[in-house]
C-alpha cells in the first residue's frame, strides 16, 4: 500500500515539475531528479508486488497437499490440520 502511495506522490511531483519546467520556472536538473524519483518508486512497487506474490506462492506450497505423483492434479482445497 505504501509503495502505491509513493508512486502516486512521485507522479504528482513529476507532473508539477514538468509544468514548472514548461513555464520556465524549473530547470532540466529538477525535471531529471523528479523523473528519477518516479522511476525508483515504480521499481520499489514492482519489487513489493513480486515479494507479495512469492510469499503467497510459498504459503500455498506449505498449505496445499502435493500429490506424490507429479502427473496427478493438485487439489486446490486447503486442508488445515490442528494438533
Protein backbone atom coordinates (compact mmCIF):
# COMPACT_ATOMS: atom_id res chain seq x y z
CA UNK A 1 0.00 0.00 0.00
CA UNK A 2 2.78 2.46 0.83
CA UNK A 3 4.57 1.63 -2.42
CA UNK A 4 1.40 2.55 -4.32
CA UNK A 5 1.14 5.84 -2.43
CA UNK A 6 4.80 6.60 -3.14
CA UNK A 7 4.21 6.09 -6.86
CA UNK A 8 1.22 8.42 -6.74
CA UNK A 9 3.20 11.10 -4.91
CA UNK A 10 6.12 10.71 -7.32
CA UNK A 11 3.81 11.00 -10.33
CA UNK A 12 2.32 14.18 -8.91
CA UNK A 13 5.76 15.64 -8.16
CA UNK A 14 6.95 14.83 -11.68
CA UNK A 15 3.82 16.36 -13.19
CA UNK A 16 4.28 19.55 -11.15
CA UNK A 17 7.97 19.80 -12.02
CA UNK A 18 7.24 19.22 -15.70
CA UNK A 19 4.64 22.00 -15.67
CA UNK A 20 7.07 24.35 -13.90
CA UNK A 21 9.75 23.42 -16.46
CA UNK A 22 7.38 24.16 -19.34
CA UNK A 23 6.58 27.51 -17.74
CA UNK A 24 10.29 28.30 -17.37
CA UNK A 25 10.20 28.13 -13.55
CA UNK A 26 12.28 24.97 -13.22
CA UNK A 27 15.38 23.58 -14.89
CA UNK A 28 16.33 20.27 -16.51
CA UNK A 29 18.13 19.06 -13.40
CA UNK A 30 14.95 19.36 -11.30
CA UNK A 31 12.99 17.58 -14.01
CA UNK A 32 15.56 14.81 -14.22
CA UNK A 33 15.66 14.35 -10.45
CA UNK A 34 11.88 14.03 -10.10
CA UNK A 35 11.81 11.64 -13.05
CA UNK A 36 14.45 9.50 -11.33
CA UNK A 37 12.40 9.53 -8.12
CA UNK A 38 9.35 8.38 -10.08
CA UNK A 39 11.28 5.54 -11.71
CA UNK A 40 12.66 4.48 -8.30
CA UNK A 41 9.16 4.48 -6.80
CA UNK A 42 7.90 2.33 -9.69
CA UNK A 43 10.77 -0.11 -9.22
CA UNK A 44 10.09 -0.33 -5.47
CA UNK A 45 6.40 -1.03 -6.18
CA UNK A 46 7.41 -3.74 -8.65
CA UNK A 47 9.68 -5.39 -6.07
CA UNK A 48 6.92 -5.17 -3.46
CA UNK A 49 4.49 -6.87 -5.85
CA UNK A 50 6.97 -9.63 -6.63
CA UNK A 51 7.65 -10.16 -2.92
CA UNK A 52 3.93 -10.47 -2.18
CA UNK A 53 3.46 -12.99 -4.99
CA UNK A 54 6.46 -15.07 -3.90
CA UNK A 55 5.23 -15.08 -0.30
CA UNK A 56 1.76 -16.12 -1.43
CA UNK A 57 3.20 -18.93 -3.55
CA UNK A 58 5.29 -20.16 -0.61
CA UNK A 59 2.27 -20.08 1.66
CA UNK A 60 0.21 -22.10 -0.82
CA UNK A 61 3.05 -24.58 -1.21
CA UNK A 62 3.03 -25.09 2.55
CA UNK A 63 -0.74 -25.35 2.88
CA UNK A 64 -1.77 -27.29 -0.22
CA UNK A 65 -1.23 -31.03 -0.16
CA UNK A 66 1.03 -32.05 -3.01
CA UNK A 67 0.47 -35.42 -4.74
CA UNK A 68 3.26 -37.99 -4.70
CA UNK A 69 2.92 -38.49 -8.45
CA UNK A 70 3.85 -35.28 -10.34
CA UNK A 71 1.30 -36.15 -13.05
CA UNK A 72 -1.61 -36.10 -10.60
CA UNK A 73 -3.60 -32.87 -10.30
CA UNK A 74 -3.02 -30.59 -7.32
CA UNK A 75 -6.12 -30.26 -5.17
CA UNK A 76 -6.90 -26.60 -4.61
CA UNK A 77 -8.92 -27.02 -1.43
CA UNK A 78 -6.92 -26.10 1.65
CA UNK A 79 -6.81 -28.58 4.50
CA UNK A 80 -5.71 -27.23 7.83
CA UNK A 81 -4.52 -29.66 10.49
CA UNK A 82 -4.70 -28.57 14.10
CA UNK A 83 -2.93 -30.52 16.85
